[in-house]
Amino acid sequence: MMAKRGFKSVDEYVGTFPKDVHDSLETVRRTIQKAVPEAEELISYQMPAFKFHGPVLYFSAFKNHYSLFGASQGVRRAFKKELSRYEVTKGTIRFPLDEGVPVKLIRGIAKCRAKENLERKTKQNRSARQRKAV
């Protein structure tokens, strides 16, 4: 699997994996794209990432699982029941490669992260306007 570094695109990254892993990663990618169509897709930290007013999610594949990075406390709280069957650490969710991609869950997580980012950005803008008014 992926020994290469210096990826220039998500297509290049995903293309380094065997077909079954490639297909899972493409499903994750399309799910995030559809959930947050305004998000910019890029390579960051040598893995695919989506940004919308800040990081939404990163994803990467490993030997027996793929991971989503960027699982905020709000995400972990909002999806506690759905995430209970997966290995979850502070900001990472691991999904086994030998199971189907949980599209509905990933869609919800992506939308939640985008909403968190937008709310944070709106709050920052409001605070900046209030400081200017003083």
N, C-alpha and C. Protein backbone atom coordinates (compact mmCIF):
# COMPACT_ATOMS: atom_id res chain seq x y z
N MET A 1 0.83 -1.18 0.00
CA MET A 1 0.00 0.00 0.00
C MET A 1 0.88 1.25 0.00
N MET A 2 0.30 2.36 0.05
CA MET A 2 0.85 3.68 -0.09
C MET A 2 2.23 3.89 0.56
N ALA A 3 3.28 3.89 -0.26
CA ALA A 3 4.61 4.21 0.23
C ALA A 3 5.01 5.60 -0.25
N LYS A 4 4.35 6.08 -1.29
CA LYS A 4 4.65 7.35 -1.91
C LYS A 4 4.31 8.53 -1.00
N ARG A 5 4.99 9.62 -1.19
CA ARG A 5 4.73 10.87 -0.49
C ARG A 5 4.62 11.99 -1.51
N GLY A 6 4.22 13.16 -1.07
CA GLY A 6 4.18 14.31 -1.96
C GLY A 6 3.03 14.29 -2.95
N PHE A 7 1.88 13.86 -2.50
CA PHE A 7 0.71 13.78 -3.38
C PHE A 7 0.29 15.18 -3.81
N LYS A 8 -0.09 15.29 -5.07
CA LYS A 8 -0.54 16.57 -5.63
C LYS A 8 -2.06 16.67 -5.71
N SER A 9 -2.74 15.52 -5.62
CA SER A 9 -4.21 15.54 -5.71
C SER A 9 -4.79 14.35 -4.95
N VAL A 10 -6.08 14.47 -4.67
CA VAL A 10 -6.79 13.37 -4.01
C VAL A 10 -6.85 12.17 -4.94
N ASP A 11 -7.03 12.40 -6.23
CA ASP A 11 -7.03 11.29 -7.19
C ASP A 11 -5.72 10.51 -7.12
N GLU A 12 -4.62 11.24 -7.06
CA GLU A 12 -3.30 10.59 -6.98
C GLU A 12 -3.18 9.77 -5.69
N TYR A 13 -3.63 10.33 -4.58
CA TYR A 13 -3.59 9.62 -3.29
C TYR A 13 -4.42 8.34 -3.34
N VAL A 14 -5.66 8.47 -3.73
CA VAL A 14 -6.59 7.33 -3.75
C VAL A 14 -6.10 6.26 -4.74
N GLY A 15 -5.47 6.71 -5.82
CA GLY A 15 -4.98 5.80 -6.84
C GLY A 15 -3.84 4.90 -6.41
N THR A 16 -3.26 5.15 -5.25
CA THR A 16 -2.15 4.32 -4.78
C THR A 16 -2.62 3.05 -4.07
N PHE A 17 -3.91 2.90 -3.88
CA PHE A 17 -4.45 1.77 -3.11
C PHE A 17 -5.04 0.70 -4.01
N PRO A 18 -5.11 -0.54 -3.52
CA PRO A 18 -5.78 -1.61 -4.27
C PRO A 18 -7.26 -1.26 -4.48
N LYS A 19 -7.87 -1.90 -5.45
CA LYS A 19 -9.23 -1.55 -5.86
C LYS A 19 -10.24 -1.52 -4.71
N ASP A 20 -10.22 -2.50 -3.83
CA ASP A 20 -11.22 -2.52 -2.75
C ASP A 20 -11.06 -1.32 -1.82
N VAL A 21 -9.82 -0.98 -1.49
CA VAL A 21 -9.56 0.18 -0.63
C VAL A 21 -9.88 1.46 -1.40
N HIS A 22 -9.45 1.51 -2.66
CA HIS A 22 -9.73 2.64 -3.54
C HIS A 22 -11.23 2.92 -3.57
N ASP A 23 -12.03 1.88 -3.74
CA ASP A 23 -13.48 2.05 -3.82
C ASP A 23 -14.06 2.60 -2.51
N SER A 24 -13.57 2.12 -1.39
CA SER A 24 -14.02 2.63 -0.09
C SER A 24 -13.65 4.10 0.07
N LEU A 25 -12.42 4.45 -0.28
CA LEU A 25 -11.99 5.84 -0.17
C LEU A 25 -12.78 6.76 -1.09
N GLU A 26 -13.08 6.28 -2.28
CA GLU A 26 -13.90 7.08 -3.21
C GLU A 26 -15.31 7.29 -2.66
N THR A 27 -15.85 6.28 -2.00
CA THR A 27 -17.17 6.42 -1.38
C THR A 27 -17.13 7.46 -0.27
N VAL A 28 -16.09 7.42 0.56
CA VAL A 28 -15.93 8.42 1.61
C VAL A 28 -15.82 9.81 0.99
N ARG A 29 -15.00 9.92 -0.03
CA ARG A 29 -14.78 11.20 -0.72
C ARG A 29 -16.08 11.76 -1.28
N ARG A 30 -16.82 10.94 -2.03
CA ARG A 30 -18.08 11.40 -2.63
C ARG A 30 -19.11 11.77 -1.56
N THR A 31 -19.11 11.02 -0.48
CA THR A 31 -20.05 11.29 0.61
C THR A 31 -19.78 12.67 1.22
N ILE A 32 -18.52 12.98 1.47
CA ILE A 32 -18.18 14.29 2.03
C ILE A 32 -18.47 15.39 1.02
N GLN A 33 -18.13 15.16 -0.25
CA GLN A 33 -18.41 16.15 -1.30
C GLN A 33 -19.89 16.48 -1.39
N LYS A 34 -20.73 15.46 -1.33
CA LYS A 34 -22.18 15.67 -1.42
C LYS A 34 -22.73 16.34 -0.16
N ALA A 35 -22.16 16.00 0.99
CA ALA A 35 -22.63 16.57 2.26
C ALA A 35 -22.27 18.04 2.39
N VAL A 36 -21.10 18.40 1.88
CA VAL A 36 -20.61 19.78 1.99
C VAL A 36 -20.07 20.22 0.62
N PRO A 37 -20.98 20.48 -0.32
CA PRO A 37 -20.53 20.80 -1.68
C PRO A 37 -19.68 22.07 -1.78
N GLU A 38 -19.78 22.95 -0.79
CA GLU A 38 -18.99 24.19 -0.79
C GLU A 38 -17.55 23.95 -0.36
N ALA A 39 -17.26 22.78 0.19
CA ALA A 39 -15.93 22.51 0.74
C ALA A 39 -14.89 22.39 -0.37
N GLU A 40 -13.71 22.88 -0.05
CA GLU A 40 -12.55 22.76 -0.93
C GLU A 40 -11.87 21.42 -0.65
N GLU A 41 -11.57 20.68 -1.71
CA GLU A 41 -10.87 19.40 -1.58
C GLU A 41 -9.39 19.65 -1.83
N LEU A 42 -8.53 19.11 -0.96
CA LEU A 42 -7.10 19.30 -1.11
C LEU A 42 -6.34 18.18 -0.42
N ILE A 43 -5.04 18.20 -0.61
CA ILE A 43 -4.15 17.31 0.14
C ILE A 43 -3.53 18.16 1.24
N SER A 44 -3.63 17.68 2.47
CA SER A 44 -3.05 18.36 3.61
C SER A 44 -2.52 17.28 4.55
N TYR A 45 -1.32 17.47 5.06
CA TYR A 45 -0.69 16.44 5.91
C TYR A 45 -0.59 15.11 5.16
N GLN A 46 -0.38 15.17 3.85
CA GLN A 46 -0.22 13.99 3.00
C GLN A 46 -1.47 13.11 2.93
N MET A 47 -2.64 13.70 3.14
CA MET A 47 -3.88 12.93 3.03
C MET A 47 -4.98 13.84 2.49
N PRO A 48 -6.04 13.23 1.94
CA PRO A 48 -7.17 14.03 1.46
C PRO A 48 -7.83 14.80 2.60
N ALA A 49 -8.22 16.02 2.28
CA ALA A 49 -8.88 16.88 3.27
C ALA A 49 -9.95 17.71 2.60
N PHE A 50 -10.91 18.12 3.40
CA PHE A 50 -11.96 19.03 2.96
C PHE A 50 -11.99 20.20 3.92
N LYS A 51 -12.03 21.41 3.35
CA LYS A 51 -12.07 22.61 4.19
C LYS A 51 -13.24 23.49 3.79
N PHE A 52 -13.91 24.01 4.79
CA PHE A 52 -15.01 24.96 4.62
C PHE A 52 -15.02 25.82 5.87
N HIS A 53 -14.51 27.05 5.77
CA HIS A 53 -14.33 27.92 6.92
C HIS A 53 -13.49 27.22 7.99
N GLY A 54 -12.50 26.48 7.54
CA GLY A 54 -11.64 25.69 8.42
C GLY A 54 -11.75 24.23 8.04
N PRO A 55 -10.96 23.38 8.68
CA PRO A 55 -10.98 21.95 8.35
C PRO A 55 -12.33 21.31 8.64
N VAL A 56 -12.82 20.53 7.69
CA VAL A 56 -14.04 19.74 7.91
C VAL A 56 -13.59 18.35 8.32
N LEU A 57 -13.00 17.63 7.40
CA LEU A 57 -12.51 16.28 7.68
C LEU A 57 -11.30 15.97 6.82
N TYR A 58 -10.46 15.10 7.34
CA TYR A 58 -9.36 14.47 6.62
C TYR A 58 -9.67 12.98 6.61
N PHE A 59 -9.14 12.26 5.61
CA PHE A 59 -9.28 10.80 5.66
C PHE A 59 -8.04 10.14 5.10
N SER A 60 -7.81 8.91 5.58
CA SER A 60 -6.64 8.17 5.16
C SER A 60 -6.89 6.67 5.36
N ALA A 61 -6.20 5.86 4.58
CA ALA A 61 -6.35 4.40 4.69
C ALA A 61 -5.09 3.79 5.28
N PHE A 62 -5.30 2.71 6.00
CA PHE A 62 -4.22 1.96 6.63
C PHE A 62 -4.40 0.48 6.29
N LYS A 63 -3.64 -0.39 6.91
CA LYS A 63 -3.66 -1.80 6.55
C LYS A 63 -5.05 -2.43 6.69
N ASN A 64 -5.71 -2.22 7.82
CA ASN A 64 -7.00 -2.87 8.08
C ASN A 64 -8.16 -1.91 8.30
N HIS A 65 -7.90 -0.62 8.18
CA HIS A 65 -8.97 0.35 8.42
C HIS A 65 -8.70 1.64 7.64
N TYR A 66 -9.69 2.49 7.59
CA TYR A 66 -9.50 3.85 7.13
C TYR A 66 -10.00 4.74 8.26
N SER A 67 -9.46 5.93 8.32
CA SER A 67 -9.81 6.83 9.41
C SER A 67 -10.32 8.16 8.91
N LEU A 68 -11.22 8.74 9.68
CA LEU A 68 -11.62 10.13 9.53
C LEU A 68 -10.93 10.89 10.65
N PHE A 69 -10.33 12.01 10.31
CA PHE A 69 -9.68 12.87 11.29
C PHE A 69 -10.44 14.18 11.34
N GLY A 70 -10.59 14.72 12.53
CA GLY A 70 -11.31 15.97 12.70
C GLY A 70 -12.62 15.78 13.44
N ALA A 71 -12.75 14.65 14.11
CA ALA A 71 -13.98 14.38 14.87
C ALA A 71 -13.95 15.21 16.15
N SER A 72 -14.62 16.33 16.11
CA SER A 72 -14.65 17.24 17.25
C SER A 72 -15.43 16.64 18.41
N GLN A 73 -15.34 17.29 19.55
CA GLN A 73 -16.12 16.86 20.71
C GLN A 73 -17.61 16.92 20.37
N GLY A 74 -18.02 17.94 19.64
CA GLY A 74 -19.42 18.06 19.23
C GLY A 74 -19.87 16.90 18.36
N VAL A 75 -19.02 16.47 17.45
CA VAL A 75 -19.32 15.31 16.60
C VAL A 75 -19.42 14.06 17.45
N ARG A 76 -18.45 13.88 18.32
CA ARG A 76 -18.45 12.67 19.15
C ARG A 76 -19.68 12.62 20.05
N ARG A 77 -20.12 13.76 20.51
CA ARG A 77 -21.31 13.82 21.36
C ARG A 77 -22.58 13.59 20.52
N ALA A 78 -22.68 14.25 19.38
CA ALA A 78 -23.88 14.16 18.53
C ALA A 78 -24.10 12.77 17.96
N PHE A 79 -23.01 12.04 17.71
CA PHE A 79 -23.11 10.73 17.07
C PHE A 79 -22.63 9.61 18.00
N LYS A 80 -22.75 9.84 19.29
CA LYS A 80 -22.24 8.89 20.28
C LYS A 80 -22.76 7.47 20.05
N LYS A 81 -24.05 7.33 19.86
CA LYS A 81 -24.64 6.01 19.66
C LYS A 81 -24.12 5.36 18.38
N GLU A 82 -24.13 6.10 17.27
CA GLU A 82 -23.69 5.56 15.98
C GLU A 82 -22.20 5.21 15.98
N LEU A 83 -21.41 5.96 16.74
CA LEU A 83 -19.97 5.74 16.78
C LEU A 83 -19.55 4.65 17.76
N SER A 84 -20.48 4.18 18.58
CA SER A 84 -20.13 3.23 19.65
C SER A 84 -19.52 1.93 19.12
N ARG A 85 -19.81 1.57 17.89
CA ARG A 85 -19.26 0.32 17.35
C ARG A 85 -17.90 0.48 16.69
N TYR A 86 -17.39 1.72 16.65
CA TYR A 86 -16.11 1.99 16.01
C TYR A 86 -15.09 2.42 17.06
N GLU A 87 -13.82 2.32 16.70
CA GLU A 87 -12.77 2.81 17.58
C GLU A 87 -12.67 4.33 17.40
N VAL A 88 -12.90 5.05 18.47
CA VAL A 88 -12.91 6.51 18.43
C VAL A 88 -11.93 7.03 19.48
N THR A 89 -11.02 7.90 19.05
CA THR A 89 -10.14 8.59 19.97
C THR A 89 -10.46 10.08 19.88
N LYS A 90 -9.67 10.90 20.51
CA LYS A 90 -9.99 12.32 20.62
C LYS A 90 -10.46 12.95 19.30
N GLY A 91 -9.76 12.76 18.22
CA GLY A 91 -10.16 13.39 16.97
C GLY A 91 -10.26 12.43 15.81
N THR A 92 -10.16 11.14 16.07
CA THR A 92 -10.07 10.13 15.01
C THR A 92 -11.14 9.06 15.16
N ILE A 93 -11.70 8.67 14.02
CA ILE A 93 -12.65 7.56 13.98
C ILE A 93 -12.09 6.53 13.02
N ARG A 94 -11.97 5.29 13.48
CA ARG A 94 -11.46 4.20 12.63
C ARG A 94 -12.61 3.31 12.18
N PHE A 95 -12.64 3.07 10.86
CA PHE A 95 -13.65 2.20 10.26
C PHE A 95 -12.95 1.00 9.64
N PRO A 96 -13.39 -0.22 9.94
CA PRO A 96 -12.76 -1.41 9.35
C PRO A 96 -12.93 -1.42 7.83
N LEU A 97 -11.87 -1.81 7.13
CA LEU A 97 -11.94 -1.87 5.67
C LEU A 97 -12.81 -3.03 5.18
N ASP A 98 -13.02 -4.03 6.03
CA ASP A 98 -13.80 -5.19 5.59
C ASP A 98 -15.30 -5.02 5.82
N GLU A 99 -15.72 -3.81 6.18
CA GLU A 99 -17.15 -3.50 6.32
C GLU A 99 -17.52 -2.42 5.31
N GLY A 100 -18.77 -2.33 4.99
CA GLY A 100 -19.23 -1.28 4.09
C GLY A 100 -19.03 0.09 4.69
N VAL A 101 -18.92 1.08 3.84
CA VAL A 101 -18.76 2.46 4.29
C VAL A 101 -20.08 2.95 4.86
N PRO A 102 -20.08 3.46 6.10
CA PRO A 102 -21.32 3.98 6.71
C PRO A 102 -21.64 5.38 6.16
N VAL A 103 -22.18 5.41 4.96
CA VAL A 103 -22.40 6.65 4.22
C VAL A 103 -23.25 7.64 5.03
N LYS A 104 -24.34 7.18 5.59
CA LYS A 104 -25.23 8.07 6.34
C LYS A 104 -24.49 8.71 7.52
N LEU A 105 -23.70 7.94 8.23
CA LEU A 105 -22.95 8.44 9.37
C LEU A 105 -21.91 9.46 8.93
N ILE A 106 -21.14 9.14 7.89
CA ILE A 106 -20.10 10.06 7.41
C ILE A 106 -20.73 11.34 6.88
N ARG A 107 -21.85 11.23 6.19
CA ARG A 107 -22.56 12.42 5.71
C ARG A 107 -22.94 13.32 6.89
N GLY A 108 -23.50 12.72 7.93
CA GLY A 108 -23.90 13.48 9.10
C GLY A 108 -22.72 14.14 9.79
N ILE A 109 -21.61 13.42 9.90
CA ILE A 109 -20.41 13.97 10.53
C ILE A 109 -19.88 15.15 9.73
N ALA A 110 -19.82 15.01 8.41
CA ALA A 110 -19.33 16.09 7.56
C ALA A 110 -20.22 17.33 7.69
N LYS A 111 -21.52 17.14 7.67
CA LYS A 111 -22.45 18.27 7.80
C LYS A 111 -22.29 18.93 9.18
N CYS A 112 -22.13 18.14 10.20
CA CYS A 112 -21.95 18.65 11.56
C CYS A 112 -20.67 19.49 11.65
N ARG A 113 -19.58 18.98 11.09
CA ARG A 113 -18.31 19.72 11.12
C ARG A 113 -18.42 21.03 10.35
N ALA A 114 -19.06 21.00 9.18
CA ALA A 114 -19.23 22.23 8.40
C ALA A 114 -20.06 23.25 9.17
N LYS A 115 -21.11 22.78 9.83
CA LYS A 115 -21.96 23.67 10.63
C LYS A 115 -21.17 24.27 11.79
N GLU A 116 -20.37 23.45 12.46
CA GLU A 116 -19.52 23.96 13.55
C GLU A 116 -18.59 25.05 13.04
N ASN A 117 -17.96 24.81 11.89
CA ASN A 117 -17.03 25.79 11.33
C ASN A 117 -17.74 27.09 10.97
N LEU A 118 -18.90 26.97 10.35
CA LEU A 118 -19.67 28.15 9.95
C LEU A 118 -20.12 28.94 11.18
N GLU A 119 -20.58 28.25 12.20
CA GLU A 119 -21.00 28.93 13.43
C GLU A 119 -19.83 29.63 14.10
N ARG A 120 -18.66 28.99 14.10
CA ARG A 120 -17.46 29.61 14.68
C ARG A 120 -17.07 30.85 13.88
N LYS A 121 -17.12 30.75 12.56
CA LYS A 121 -16.77 31.88 11.69
C LYS A 121 -17.75 33.04 11.88
N THR A 122 -19.04 32.72 11.96
CA THR A 122 -20.07 33.75 12.17
C THR A 122 -19.85 34.45 13.51
N LYS A 123 -19.53 33.68 14.53
CA LYS A 123 -19.28 34.24 15.86
C LYS A 123 -18.05 35.14 15.83
N GLN A 124 -17.00 34.71 15.13
CA GLN A 124 -15.79 35.53 15.02
C GLN A 124 -16.09 36.84 14.29
N ASN A 125 -16.86 36.77 13.22
CA ASN A 125 -17.21 37.97 12.46
C ASN A 125 -18.03 38.93 13.32
N ARG A 126 -18.97 38.39 14.08
CA ARG A 126 -19.81 39.20 14.96
C ARG A 126 -18.94 39.90 16.01
N SER A 127 -18.01 39.16 16.60
CA SER A 127 -17.12 39.73 17.61
C SER A 127 -16.25 40.83 17.00
N ALA A 128 -15.75 40.61 15.80
CA ALA A 128 -14.91 41.61 15.14
C ALA A 128 -15.71 42.88 14.86
N ARG A 129 -16.96 42.75 14.42
CA ARG A 129 -17.81 43.91 14.16
C ARG A 129 -18.08 44.67 15.46
N GLN A 130 -18.30 43.94 16.54
CA GLN A 130 -18.55 44.59 17.83
C GLN A 130 -17.33 45.35 18.33
N ARG A 131 -16.14 44.80 18.11
CA ARG A 131 -14.91 45.47 18.51
C ARG A 131 -14.72 46.76 17.71
N LYS A 132 -15.04 46.72 16.42
CA LYS A 132 -14.92 47.89 15.56
C LYS A 132 -15.88 48.99 15.99
N ALA A 133 -17.06 48.60 16.46
CA ALA A 133 -18.09 49.57 16.85
C ALA A 133 -17.74 50.30 18.12
N VAL A 134 -16.83 49.73 18.89
CA VAL A 134 -16.47 50.35 20.18
C VAL A 134 -15.51 51.46 20.03
